[in-house]
Amino acid sequence: MKLNWRKIGRSAWEFFKTLIIAFILAQLIMVSVAQAFQVEQYSMEPTLLPRDRVLVDKFFYRLRQPRHGDVIVLRYPLNTQRNYIKRIVGLPGDVLLIKDGKLNVNGQQTNEPYINGTPQGNYGPFMVPDDSVFVMGDNRNNSEDSRAFGALKKEFIVGQALLIYWPLTRVRVLASRFADNRQ
């Protein structure tokens, strides 16, 4: 049996071109549409735990505005080389007040079943500027968030965390939890 080296070479070249195109497309998707992130801190506990891996949509906020309850990845304003993950609790124009561990948005107490324990301390009142959002961790007593670094300018938002995909025992969709679900 005689091998046709020319045919083998063409097949290998086609396979190699397909791999290059797939790699380039994967890079474009990661840069502009979706990206995987690993949680490194306890500030979103119990919703997210260290070593959870989440898929972040980087495209949604080009089509719609952020909403109350969205879990987002952000570039930390005091060191933009670091990424944090937090929950949006205040939108532009909202007036926030934290008193006796309860978050009030525009004078209405929010229902936040996802927070870890009773938050300590008071904050506000604070009005969120037009170009910003207010973010907090679900583990309010162990979270460096907008209470520490101020309102987050929208340009620092990387994207919305959509789901936990690893570890397999924790796979689930991360839904906006309190979008106007006030008590």
N, C-alpha and C. Protein backbone atom coordinates (compact mmCIF):
# COMPACT_ATOMS: atom_id res chain seq x y z
N MET A 1 0.84 -1.17 0.00
CA MET A 1 0.00 0.00 0.00
C MET A 1 0.89 1.24 0.00
N LYS A 2 0.61 2.13 -0.91
CA LYS A 2 1.41 3.32 -1.07
C LYS A 2 0.70 4.52 -0.42
N LEU A 3 1.44 5.28 0.40
CA LEU A 3 0.88 6.46 1.05
C LEU A 3 0.91 7.64 0.11
N ASN A 4 -0.18 8.42 0.13
CA ASN A 4 -0.25 9.63 -0.68
C ASN A 4 0.10 10.81 0.24
N TRP A 5 1.40 11.16 0.23
CA TRP A 5 1.90 12.19 1.14
C TRP A 5 1.29 13.55 0.84
N ARG A 6 0.99 13.79 -0.41
CA ARG A 6 0.39 15.08 -0.77
C ARG A 6 -1.00 15.21 -0.13
N LYS A 7 -1.80 14.14 -0.20
CA LYS A 7 -3.13 14.15 0.39
C LYS A 7 -3.05 14.26 1.91
N ILE A 8 -2.12 13.56 2.52
CA ILE A 8 -1.92 13.63 3.97
C ILE A 8 -1.51 15.05 4.37
N GLY A 9 -0.63 15.65 3.61
CA GLY A 9 -0.18 17.02 3.88
C GLY A 9 -1.32 18.02 3.81
N ARG A 10 -2.18 17.88 2.78
CA ARG A 10 -3.34 18.78 2.66
C ARG A 10 -4.29 18.59 3.84
N SER A 11 -4.53 17.35 4.22
CA SER A 11 -5.43 17.08 5.36
C SER A 11 -4.86 17.67 6.65
N ALA A 12 -3.56 17.50 6.83
CA ALA A 12 -2.91 18.05 8.03
C ALA A 12 -3.01 19.58 8.03
N TRP A 13 -2.79 20.20 6.86
CA TRP A 13 -2.89 21.66 6.75
C TRP A 13 -4.31 22.13 7.05
N GLU A 14 -5.33 21.45 6.53
CA GLU A 14 -6.72 21.82 6.80
C GLU A 14 -7.03 21.70 8.29
N PHE A 15 -6.55 20.64 8.91
CA PHE A 15 -6.75 20.44 10.35
C PHE A 15 -6.08 21.57 11.12
N PHE A 16 -4.85 21.91 10.76
CA PHE A 16 -4.11 22.98 11.43
C PHE A 16 -4.81 24.32 11.26
N LYS A 17 -5.31 24.63 10.07
CA LYS A 17 -6.05 25.87 9.83
C LYS A 17 -7.31 25.92 10.69
N THR A 18 -8.01 24.80 10.79
CA THR A 18 -9.22 24.74 11.62
C THR A 18 -8.89 25.03 13.08
N LEU A 19 -7.79 24.47 13.58
CA LEU A 19 -7.37 24.73 14.96
C LEU A 19 -7.05 26.21 15.17
N ILE A 20 -6.36 26.82 14.23
CA ILE A 20 -6.00 28.24 14.34
C ILE A 20 -7.26 29.10 14.37
N ILE A 21 -8.19 28.83 13.47
CA ILE A 21 -9.44 29.60 13.42
C ILE A 21 -10.23 29.41 14.72
N ALA A 22 -10.31 28.18 15.21
CA ALA A 22 -11.02 27.92 16.47
C ALA A 22 -10.37 28.67 17.62
N PHE A 23 -9.05 28.69 17.67
CA PHE A 23 -8.33 29.40 18.73
C PHE A 23 -8.63 30.90 18.65
N ILE A 24 -8.56 31.47 17.46
CA ILE A 24 -8.82 32.90 17.29
C ILE A 24 -10.26 33.24 17.69
N LEU A 25 -11.22 32.43 17.27
CA LEU A 25 -12.62 32.67 17.64
C LEU A 25 -12.81 32.57 19.15
N ALA A 26 -12.18 31.58 19.78
CA ALA A 26 -12.28 31.43 21.24
C ALA A 26 -11.73 32.67 21.95
N GLN A 27 -10.61 33.21 21.45
CA GLN A 27 -10.04 34.41 22.05
C GLN A 27 -10.97 35.61 21.89
N LEU A 28 -11.57 35.76 20.71
CA LEU A 28 -12.51 36.86 20.49
C LEU A 28 -13.72 36.76 21.41
N ILE A 29 -14.23 35.55 21.59
CA ILE A 29 -15.37 35.35 22.49
C ILE A 29 -14.98 35.71 23.91
N MET A 30 -13.81 35.27 24.36
CA MET A 30 -13.38 35.56 25.73
C MET A 30 -13.17 37.05 25.96
N VAL A 31 -12.68 37.75 24.96
CA VAL A 31 -12.41 39.18 25.11
C VAL A 31 -13.70 39.99 25.09
N SER A 32 -14.68 39.59 24.28
CA SER A 32 -15.84 40.46 24.09
C SER A 32 -17.17 39.90 24.57
N VAL A 33 -17.32 38.61 24.74
CA VAL A 33 -18.63 38.05 25.06
C VAL A 33 -18.68 37.41 26.45
N ALA A 34 -17.83 36.46 26.72
CA ALA A 34 -17.89 35.74 27.99
C ALA A 34 -16.48 35.39 28.46
N GLN A 35 -16.35 35.24 29.77
CA GLN A 35 -15.06 34.89 30.34
C GLN A 35 -15.28 34.13 31.64
N ALA A 36 -14.37 33.23 31.94
CA ALA A 36 -14.42 32.48 33.18
C ALA A 36 -13.60 33.20 34.25
N PHE A 37 -14.11 33.22 35.47
CA PHE A 37 -13.40 33.80 36.60
C PHE A 37 -13.46 32.84 37.77
N GLN A 38 -12.42 32.88 38.59
CA GLN A 38 -12.41 32.09 39.82
C GLN A 38 -12.56 33.02 41.01
N VAL A 39 -13.48 32.67 41.90
CA VAL A 39 -13.71 33.44 43.12
C VAL A 39 -12.54 33.17 44.06
N GLU A 40 -12.00 34.24 44.66
CA GLU A 40 -10.83 34.10 45.52
C GLU A 40 -11.09 34.53 46.96
N GLN A 41 -12.23 35.16 47.22
CA GLN A 41 -12.47 35.71 48.54
C GLN A 41 -13.78 35.20 49.13
N TYR A 42 -13.99 35.51 50.40
CA TYR A 42 -15.19 35.09 51.12
C TYR A 42 -16.28 36.15 51.13
N SER A 43 -16.11 37.25 50.40
CA SER A 43 -17.03 38.38 50.51
C SER A 43 -18.41 38.11 49.92
N MET A 44 -18.57 37.07 49.11
CA MET A 44 -19.89 36.76 48.54
C MET A 44 -20.49 35.49 49.14
N GLU A 45 -19.91 35.03 50.23
CA GLU A 45 -20.42 33.84 50.90
C GLU A 45 -21.80 34.15 51.49
N PRO A 46 -22.80 33.34 51.41
CA PRO A 46 -22.81 31.95 50.95
C PRO A 46 -23.10 31.77 49.46
N THR A 47 -23.39 32.85 48.72
CA THR A 47 -23.71 32.72 47.30
C THR A 47 -22.55 32.13 46.53
N LEU A 48 -21.36 32.66 46.76
CA LEU A 48 -20.15 32.19 46.09
C LEU A 48 -19.08 31.90 47.12
N LEU A 49 -18.36 30.82 46.89
CA LEU A 49 -17.30 30.41 47.80
C LEU A 49 -15.95 30.49 47.10
N PRO A 50 -14.87 30.64 47.89
CA PRO A 50 -13.55 30.62 47.25
C PRO A 50 -13.38 29.34 46.43
N ARG A 51 -12.76 29.48 45.27
CA ARG A 51 -12.50 28.42 44.30
C ARG A 51 -13.71 28.09 43.43
N ASP A 52 -14.88 28.72 43.67
CA ASP A 52 -15.98 28.59 42.70
C ASP A 52 -15.51 29.22 41.40
N ARG A 53 -15.90 28.63 40.31
CA ARG A 53 -15.61 29.21 39.00
C ARG A 53 -16.93 29.65 38.39
N VAL A 54 -16.94 30.88 37.90
CA VAL A 54 -18.16 31.47 37.36
C VAL A 54 -17.95 31.90 35.92
N LEU A 55 -19.02 31.83 35.14
CA LEU A 55 -19.01 32.31 33.77
C LEU A 55 -19.61 33.72 33.79
N VAL A 56 -18.88 34.67 33.22
CA VAL A 56 -19.28 36.07 33.24
C VAL A 56 -19.58 36.53 31.83
N ASP A 57 -20.78 37.09 31.66
CA ASP A 57 -21.19 37.63 30.38
C ASP A 57 -20.71 39.07 30.30
N LYS A 58 -19.88 39.36 29.33
CA LYS A 58 -19.32 40.70 29.16
C LYS A 58 -20.09 41.53 28.13
N PHE A 59 -21.16 40.97 27.59
CA PHE A 59 -21.89 41.60 26.50
C PHE A 59 -23.23 42.20 26.93
N PHE A 60 -23.93 41.58 27.91
CA PHE A 60 -25.27 42.01 28.30
C PHE A 60 -25.39 43.50 28.56
N TYR A 61 -24.41 44.07 29.24
CA TYR A 61 -24.53 45.47 29.63
C TYR A 61 -24.33 46.42 28.47
N ARG A 62 -24.04 45.91 27.30
CA ARG A 62 -24.06 46.74 26.10
C ARG A 62 -25.49 46.88 25.58
N LEU A 63 -26.36 45.92 25.98
CA LEU A 63 -27.75 45.91 25.51
C LEU A 63 -28.73 46.42 26.56
N ARG A 64 -28.38 46.27 27.82
CA ARG A 64 -29.28 46.71 28.89
C ARG A 64 -28.47 47.26 30.06
N GLN A 65 -29.16 48.00 30.90
CA GLN A 65 -28.52 48.58 32.08
C GLN A 65 -28.44 47.54 33.20
N PRO A 66 -27.47 47.69 34.10
CA PRO A 66 -27.42 46.82 35.28
C PRO A 66 -28.70 46.93 36.09
N ARG A 67 -29.02 45.86 36.84
CA ARG A 67 -30.23 45.82 37.67
C ARG A 67 -29.87 45.53 39.11
N HIS A 68 -30.79 45.90 40.01
CA HIS A 68 -30.64 45.52 41.41
C HIS A 68 -30.48 44.01 41.49
N GLY A 69 -29.54 43.56 42.29
CA GLY A 69 -29.37 42.14 42.53
C GLY A 69 -28.42 41.44 41.58
N ASP A 70 -28.01 42.09 40.48
CA ASP A 70 -27.05 41.46 39.57
C ASP A 70 -25.74 41.20 40.31
N VAL A 71 -25.19 40.00 40.13
CA VAL A 71 -23.86 39.68 40.64
C VAL A 71 -22.89 40.00 39.51
N ILE A 72 -21.91 40.84 39.80
CA ILE A 72 -21.00 41.30 38.76
C ILE A 72 -19.54 41.07 39.13
N VAL A 73 -18.72 40.97 38.11
CA VAL A 73 -17.27 41.04 38.28
C VAL A 73 -16.88 42.47 37.94
N LEU A 74 -16.02 43.05 38.77
CA LEU A 74 -15.60 44.43 38.58
C LEU A 74 -14.09 44.54 38.72
N ARG A 75 -13.56 45.55 38.08
CA ARG A 75 -12.16 45.90 38.30
C ARG A 75 -12.13 46.75 39.57
N TYR A 76 -11.36 46.32 40.55
CA TYR A 76 -11.26 47.01 41.82
C TYR A 76 -10.76 48.44 41.57
N PRO A 77 -11.53 49.46 41.94
CA PRO A 77 -11.17 50.85 41.61
C PRO A 77 -9.83 51.30 42.18
N LEU A 78 -9.39 50.72 43.30
CA LEU A 78 -8.13 51.16 43.91
C LEU A 78 -6.92 50.41 43.35
N ASN A 79 -7.17 49.36 42.56
CA ASN A 79 -6.10 48.60 41.89
C ASN A 79 -6.76 47.85 40.73
N THR A 80 -6.80 48.47 39.58
CA THR A 80 -7.56 47.92 38.45
C THR A 80 -6.98 46.62 37.89
N GLN A 81 -5.86 46.17 38.42
CA GLN A 81 -5.30 44.88 38.01
C GLN A 81 -6.02 43.73 38.72
N ARG A 82 -6.79 44.05 39.75
CA ARG A 82 -7.51 43.02 40.53
C ARG A 82 -8.99 43.04 40.17
N ASN A 83 -9.58 41.86 40.17
CA ASN A 83 -11.02 41.73 39.94
C ASN A 83 -11.70 41.32 41.24
N TYR A 84 -12.85 41.92 41.50
CA TYR A 84 -13.69 41.56 42.63
C TYR A 84 -15.03 41.09 42.08
N ILE A 85 -15.79 40.40 42.91
CA ILE A 85 -17.14 40.01 42.54
C ILE A 85 -18.07 40.47 43.65
N LYS A 86 -19.11 41.19 43.27
CA LYS A 86 -20.05 41.79 44.24
C LYS A 86 -21.45 41.78 43.65
N ARG A 87 -22.41 42.23 44.46
CA ARG A 87 -23.80 42.32 44.04
C ARG A 87 -24.20 43.80 43.95
N ILE A 88 -24.92 44.16 42.90
CA ILE A 88 -25.41 45.54 42.76
C ILE A 88 -26.62 45.72 43.68
N VAL A 89 -26.52 46.69 44.57
CA VAL A 89 -27.64 46.99 45.48
C VAL A 89 -28.19 48.38 45.26
N GLY A 90 -27.48 49.20 44.48
CA GLY A 90 -27.95 50.55 44.21
C GLY A 90 -27.65 50.97 42.78
N LEU A 91 -28.64 51.59 42.15
CA LEU A 91 -28.53 52.08 40.78
C LEU A 91 -28.47 53.60 40.78
N PRO A 92 -28.12 54.22 39.64
CA PRO A 92 -28.05 55.68 39.59
C PRO A 92 -29.34 56.34 40.11
N GLY A 93 -29.15 57.30 41.01
CA GLY A 93 -30.28 58.03 41.58
C GLY A 93 -30.85 57.40 42.84
N ASP A 94 -30.53 56.15 43.13
CA ASP A 94 -31.02 55.50 44.35
C ASP A 94 -30.39 56.16 45.58
N VAL A 95 -31.19 56.25 46.64
CA VAL A 95 -30.68 56.71 47.92
C VAL A 95 -30.64 55.50 48.84
N LEU A 96 -29.43 55.17 49.32
CA LEU A 96 -29.22 53.98 50.15
C LEU A 96 -29.00 54.39 51.60
N LEU A 97 -29.55 53.58 52.49
CA LEU A 97 -29.35 53.76 53.92
C LEU A 97 -29.25 52.38 54.54
N ILE A 98 -28.18 52.17 55.29
CA ILE A 98 -28.04 50.91 56.05
C ILE A 98 -28.13 51.29 57.51
N LYS A 99 -29.14 50.75 58.17
CA LYS A 99 -29.36 51.06 59.58
C LYS A 99 -29.78 49.78 60.29
N ASP A 100 -29.09 49.49 61.41
CA ASP A 100 -29.38 48.30 62.20
C ASP A 100 -29.33 47.04 61.34
N GLY A 101 -28.38 46.99 60.40
CA GLY A 101 -28.19 45.79 59.58
C GLY A 101 -29.16 45.64 58.42
N LYS A 102 -30.03 46.59 58.22
CA LYS A 102 -31.03 46.51 57.15
C LYS A 102 -30.70 47.51 56.05
N LEU A 103 -30.78 47.05 54.79
CA LEU A 103 -30.55 47.91 53.65
C LEU A 103 -31.88 48.49 53.18
N ASN A 104 -31.92 49.81 53.11
CA ASN A 104 -33.09 50.51 52.57
C ASN A 104 -32.67 51.21 51.28
N VAL A 105 -33.46 51.01 50.24
CA VAL A 105 -33.23 51.67 48.96
C VAL A 105 -34.44 52.55 48.68
N ASN A 106 -34.19 53.83 48.56
CA ASN A 106 -35.26 54.81 48.31
C ASN A 106 -36.37 54.72 49.35
N GLY A 107 -35.96 54.51 50.61
CA GLY A 107 -36.91 54.49 51.71
C GLY A 107 -37.62 53.17 51.94
N GLN A 108 -37.32 52.15 51.13
CA GLN A 108 -37.97 50.85 51.30
C GLN A 108 -36.93 49.80 51.68
N GLN A 109 -37.26 49.02 52.68
CA GLN A 109 -36.36 47.95 53.12
C GLN A 109 -36.31 46.85 52.06
N THR A 110 -35.12 46.37 51.77
CA THR A 110 -34.96 45.31 50.77
C THR A 110 -35.03 43.93 51.44
N ASN A 111 -35.51 42.98 50.69
CA ASN A 111 -35.54 41.59 51.13
C ASN A 111 -34.29 40.94 50.56
N GLU A 112 -33.35 40.58 51.42
CA GLU A 112 -32.08 40.01 50.98
C GLU A 112 -31.84 38.65 51.65
N PRO A 113 -32.49 37.60 51.18
CA PRO A 113 -32.34 36.29 51.81
C PRO A 113 -30.97 35.67 51.60
N TYR A 114 -30.15 36.23 50.73
CA TYR A 114 -28.86 35.66 50.37
C TYR A 114 -27.72 36.14 51.26
N ILE A 115 -27.93 37.16 52.13
CA ILE A 115 -26.80 37.67 52.90
C ILE A 115 -26.42 36.71 54.02
N ASN A 116 -25.15 36.79 54.41
CA ASN A 116 -24.58 35.92 55.42
C ASN A 116 -24.59 36.63 56.76
N GLY A 117 -25.54 36.29 57.62
CA GLY A 117 -25.60 36.89 58.95
C GLY A 117 -26.20 38.28 58.94
N THR A 118 -26.24 38.88 60.11
CA THR A 118 -26.77 40.23 60.26
C THR A 118 -25.63 41.22 60.10
N PRO A 119 -25.72 42.10 59.11
CA PRO A 119 -24.64 43.08 58.91
C PRO A 119 -24.50 44.02 60.10
N GLN A 120 -23.27 44.37 60.41
CA GLN A 120 -22.97 45.29 61.50
C GLN A 120 -22.76 46.69 60.92
N GLY A 121 -23.06 47.68 61.70
CA GLY A 121 -22.77 49.06 61.31
C GLY A 121 -23.87 49.71 60.49
N ASN A 122 -23.74 51.02 60.41
CA ASN A 122 -24.68 51.84 59.66
C ASN A 122 -23.93 52.56 58.54
N TYR A 123 -24.67 52.99 57.52
CA TYR A 123 -24.06 53.69 56.40
C TYR A 123 -25.12 54.56 55.75
N GLY A 124 -24.71 55.76 55.35
CA GLY A 124 -25.60 56.62 54.58
C GLY A 124 -26.37 57.58 55.45
N PRO A 125 -27.29 58.26 54.80
CA PRO A 125 -27.79 58.03 53.44
C PRO A 125 -26.76 58.43 52.38
N PHE A 126 -26.85 57.74 51.24
CA PHE A 126 -25.93 57.96 50.12
C PHE A 126 -26.71 57.88 48.83
N MET A 127 -26.55 58.91 47.97
CA MET A 127 -27.21 58.89 46.66
C MET A 127 -26.19 58.42 45.62
N VAL A 128 -26.58 57.40 44.84
CA VAL A 128 -25.70 56.84 43.81
C VAL A 128 -25.65 57.82 42.62
N PRO A 129 -24.43 58.24 42.22
CA PRO A 129 -24.30 59.15 41.08
C PRO A 129 -24.80 58.53 39.77
N ASP A 130 -25.07 59.39 38.80
CA ASP A 130 -25.65 58.96 37.52
C ASP A 130 -24.81 57.94 36.77
N ASP A 131 -23.50 57.99 36.86
CA ASP A 131 -22.63 57.12 36.08
C ASP A 131 -22.13 55.92 36.86
N SER A 132 -22.82 55.57 37.95
CA SER A 132 -22.29 54.57 38.88
C SER A 132 -23.35 53.61 39.38
N VAL A 133 -22.88 52.59 40.09
CA VAL A 133 -23.73 51.67 40.83
C VAL A 133 -23.11 51.51 42.22
N PHE A 134 -23.88 50.99 43.15
CA PHE A 134 -23.39 50.72 44.50
C PHE A 134 -23.38 49.22 44.67
N VAL A 135 -22.22 48.67 45.06
CA VAL A 135 -22.08 47.20 45.17
C VAL A 135 -21.71 46.81 46.59
N MET A 136 -22.20 45.63 46.98
CA MET A 136 -21.86 45.08 48.29
C MET A 136 -21.71 43.58 48.15
N GLY A 137 -20.90 43.01 49.04
CA GLY A 137 -20.78 41.56 49.10
C GLY A 137 -21.93 40.98 49.89
N ASP A 138 -22.26 39.72 49.64
CA ASP A 138 -23.33 39.06 50.40
C ASP A 138 -22.88 38.76 51.83
N ASN A 139 -21.59 38.66 52.06
CA ASN A 139 -21.02 38.48 53.39
C ASN A 139 -20.64 39.88 53.88
N ARG A 140 -21.64 40.65 54.26
CA ARG A 140 -21.50 42.08 54.53
C ARG A 140 -20.46 42.41 55.59
N ASN A 141 -20.24 41.51 56.53
CA ASN A 141 -19.27 41.78 57.60
C ASN A 141 -17.85 41.42 57.19
N ASN A 142 -17.66 40.90 56.00
CA ASN A 142 -16.33 40.53 55.50
C ASN A 142 -16.23 40.91 54.02
N SER A 143 -16.55 42.15 53.70
CA SER A 143 -16.58 42.56 52.30
C SER A 143 -16.05 43.98 52.15
N GLU A 144 -15.05 44.13 51.30
CA GLU A 144 -14.60 45.47 50.92
C GLU A 144 -15.39 45.83 49.68
N ASP A 145 -16.30 46.78 49.83
CA ASP A 145 -17.23 47.09 48.75
C ASP A 145 -17.45 48.59 48.68
N SER A 146 -18.55 49.02 48.10
CA SER A 146 -18.80 50.46 47.91
C SER A 146 -18.81 51.23 49.21
N ARG A 147 -19.06 50.57 50.31
CA ARG A 147 -18.98 51.27 51.60
C ARG A 147 -17.55 51.72 51.87
N ALA A 148 -16.57 51.01 51.31
CA ALA A 148 -15.15 51.35 51.50
C ALA A 148 -14.59 52.20 50.36
N PHE A 149 -14.94 51.87 49.10
CA PHE A 149 -14.34 52.58 47.97
C PHE A 149 -15.31 53.49 47.22
N GLY A 150 -16.53 53.62 47.71
CA GLY A 150 -17.49 54.52 47.09
C GLY A 150 -18.26 53.87 45.96
N ALA A 151 -19.09 54.67 45.34
CA ALA A 151 -19.88 54.18 44.21
C ALA A 151 -18.93 53.72 43.11
N LEU A 152 -19.33 52.65 42.42
CA LEU A 152 -18.51 52.07 41.36
C LEU A 152 -18.94 52.66 40.02
N LYS A 153 -18.03 53.32 39.34
CA LYS A 153 -18.34 53.83 38.00
C LYS A 153 -18.59 52.64 37.08
N LYS A 154 -19.58 52.78 36.21
CA LYS A 154 -19.98 51.68 35.33
C LYS A 154 -18.83 51.18 34.46
N GLU A 155 -17.88 52.04 34.16
CA GLU A 155 -16.74 51.63 33.33
C GLU A 155 -15.87 50.56 34.00
N PHE A 156 -16.02 50.38 35.31
CA PHE A 156 -15.25 49.36 36.03
C PHE A 156 -15.95 47.99 36.03
N ILE A 157 -17.17 47.93 35.52
CA ILE A 157 -17.88 46.65 35.46
C ILE A 157 -17.31 45.81 34.32
N VAL A 158 -16.86 44.60 34.64
CA VAL A 158 -16.36 43.66 33.63
C VAL A 158 -17.54 42.95 32.99
N GLY A 159 -18.49 42.49 33.81
CA GLY A 159 -19.65 41.81 33.28
C GLY A 159 -20.48 41.18 34.39
N GLN A 160 -21.59 40.57 33.98
CA GLN A 160 -22.50 39.93 34.93
C GLN A 160 -22.16 38.46 35.07
N ALA A 161 -22.03 38.02 36.31
CA ALA A 161 -21.80 36.60 36.58
C ALA A 161 -23.11 35.86 36.35
N LEU A 162 -23.09 34.88 35.46
CA LEU A 162 -24.31 34.17 35.09
C LEU A 162 -24.49 32.85 35.81
N LEU A 163 -23.41 32.10 35.98
CA LEU A 163 -23.55 30.79 36.59
C LEU A 163 -22.26 30.31 37.21
N ILE A 164 -22.42 29.45 38.20
CA ILE A 164 -21.29 28.73 38.77
C ILE A 164 -21.18 27.45 37.95
N TYR A 165 -20.02 27.19 37.37
CA TYR A 165 -19.86 25.97 36.58
C TYR A 165 -18.89 24.97 37.20
N TRP A 166 -18.19 25.38 38.26
CA TRP A 166 -17.28 24.46 38.94
C TRP A 166 -17.13 24.90 40.37
N PRO A 167 -17.13 23.99 41.33
CA PRO A 167 -17.17 22.54 41.22
C PRO A 167 -18.57 22.04 40.83
N LEU A 168 -18.60 20.85 40.29
CA LEU A 168 -19.85 20.30 39.77
C LEU A 168 -20.95 20.23 40.82
N THR A 169 -20.59 20.06 42.07
CA THR A 169 -21.60 19.97 43.14
C THR A 169 -22.28 21.32 43.39
N ARG A 170 -21.72 22.42 42.87
CA ARG A 170 -22.28 23.75 43.09
C ARG A 170 -22.81 24.40 41.81
N VAL A 171 -22.91 23.66 40.72
CA VAL A 171 -23.37 24.22 39.46
C VAL A 171 -24.78 24.78 39.62
N ARG A 172 -24.95 26.07 39.25
CA ARG A 172 -26.27 26.71 39.28
C ARG A 172 -26.21 28.08 38.64
N VAL A 173 -27.38 28.56 38.25
CA VAL A 173 -27.51 29.88 37.66
C VAL A 173 -27.54 30.92 38.77
N LEU A 174 -26.88 32.05 38.54
CA LEU A 174 -26.88 33.16 39.49
C LEU A 174 -27.89 34.19 38.99
N ALA A 175 -29.06 34.18 39.57
CA ALA A 175 -30.13 35.10 39.15
C ALA A 175 -30.06 36.38 39.95
N SER A 176 -30.57 37.46 39.36
CA SER A 176 -30.73 38.69 40.12
C SER A 176 -31.78 38.40 41.18
N ARG A 177 -31.42 38.58 42.43
CA ARG A 177 -32.28 38.09 43.50
C ARG A 177 -33.28 39.09 44.04
N PHE A 178 -32.95 40.37 44.11
CA PHE A 178 -33.92 41.24 44.76
C PHE A 178 -34.45 42.32 43.85
N ALA A 179 -34.32 42.11 42.55
CA ALA A 179 -34.77 43.16 41.63
C ALA A 179 -36.17 43.65 42.02
N ASP A 180 -36.16 44.77 42.70
CA ASP A 180 -37.39 45.42 43.16
C ASP A 180 -38.29 44.50 43.99
N ASN A 181 -37.67 43.60 44.74
CA ASN A 181 -38.39 42.70 45.62
C ASN A 181 -38.30 43.26 47.04
N ARG A 182 -38.91 44.41 47.27
CA ARG A 182 -38.82 45.08 48.55
C ARG A 182 -39.94 44.62 49.48
N GLN A 183 -39.67 44.70 50.75
CA GLN A 183 -40.67 44.29 51.74
C GLN A 183 -41.69 45.38 51.94
